[in-house]
């Protein structure tokens, strides 16, 4: 069996671990400064009232820059 494969249907690379192929997933490691009062308030507001938008921003890695801008 190959150690690495590529699935053209979903565009993911897989690595063999034991008898199972697991997707090669990675997250972006951004070192953002900590949020202040207003950034945390905006985060809570989005999380409670706009769950879809919050999730979308979180997945697109646009949430933290948005919260930092609000905090400024």
Protein backbone atom coordinates (compact mmCIF):
# COMPACT_ATOMS: atom_id res chain seq x y z
CA UNK A 1 0.00 0.00 0.00
CA UNK A 2 1.16 3.52 -0.72
CA UNK A 3 2.11 5.78 2.19
CA UNK A 4 0.50 8.87 0.64
CA UNK A 5 -2.47 9.20 -1.72
CA UNK A 6 -4.41 12.09 -3.24
CA UNK A 7 -8.19 12.07 -3.70
CA UNK A 8 -9.17 14.15 -6.73
CA UNK A 9 -12.86 14.22 -5.77
CA UNK A 10 -12.35 16.20 -2.57
CA UNK A 11 -8.84 17.56 -3.17
CA UNK A 12 -7.33 16.11 0.02
CA UNK A 13 -4.06 14.29 0.59
CA UNK A 14 -4.09 11.21 2.82
CA UNK A 15 -1.33 9.45 4.78
CA UNK A 16 -1.37 5.79 5.79
CA UNK A 17 -1.43 5.29 9.59
CA UNK A 18 -1.54 1.59 10.40
CA UNK A 19 -4.32 0.20 8.21
CA UNK A 20 -6.22 3.47 7.77
CA UNK A 21 -5.69 6.49 5.55
CA UNK A 22 -6.14 9.74 7.48
CA UNK A 23 -6.43 13.16 5.81
CA UNK A 24 -3.49 15.53 6.08
CA UNK A 25 -5.21 18.42 7.82
CA UNK A 26 -3.50 21.50 9.21
CA UNK A 27 -4.64 24.67 10.88
CA UNK A 28 -3.20 28.11 10.44
CA UNK A 29 -0.98 29.12 13.32
CA UNK A 30 -1.37 32.86 13.69
CA UNK A 31 0.04 34.62 16.71
CA UNK A 32 -2.52 37.33 17.28
CA UNK A 33 -2.33 39.57 20.33
CA UNK A 34 -4.88 38.99 23.09
CA UNK A 35 -8.30 40.57 22.79
CA UNK A 36 -9.42 43.44 24.95
CA UNK A 37 -12.84 44.15 26.40
CA UNK A 38 -14.59 45.22 23.18
CA UNK A 39 -13.12 42.42 21.08
CA UNK A 40 -14.37 39.84 23.58
CA UNK A 41 -17.78 41.53 23.70
CA UNK A 42 -18.03 41.39 19.89
CA UNK A 43 -16.98 37.73 19.89
CA UNK A 44 -19.70 36.86 22.42
CA UNK A 45 -22.28 38.87 20.45
CA UNK A 46 -21.45 37.11 17.19
CA UNK A 47 -21.35 33.69 18.83
CA UNK A 48 -24.78 34.13 20.47
CA UNK A 49 -26.66 36.03 17.76
CA UNK A 50 -25.00 35.22 14.41
CA UNK A 51 -23.85 31.61 14.75
CA UNK A 52 -23.54 30.98 11.00
CA UNK A 53 -21.52 34.15 10.39
CA UNK A 54 -19.34 33.40 13.43
CA UNK A 55 -18.61 29.87 12.19
CA UNK A 56 -17.90 31.07 8.67
CA UNK A 57 -15.49 33.74 9.88
CA UNK A 58 -13.81 31.21 12.16
CA UNK A 59 -13.30 28.74 9.30
CA UNK A 60 -12.06 31.43 6.88
CA UNK A 61 -9.62 32.76 9.49
CA UNK A 62 -11.16 36.24 9.34
CA UNK A 63 -12.68 36.25 12.82
CA UNK A 64 -9.60 37.23 14.82
CA UNK A 65 -8.56 40.14 12.56
CA UNK A 66 -12.17 41.38 12.72
CA UNK A 67 -12.21 41.18 16.51
CA UNK A 68 -8.87 42.98 16.75
CA UNK A 69 -10.20 45.77 14.53
CA UNK A 70 -13.28 46.15 16.73
CA UNK A 71 -11.06 46.18 19.80
CA UNK A 72 -8.95 49.03 18.38
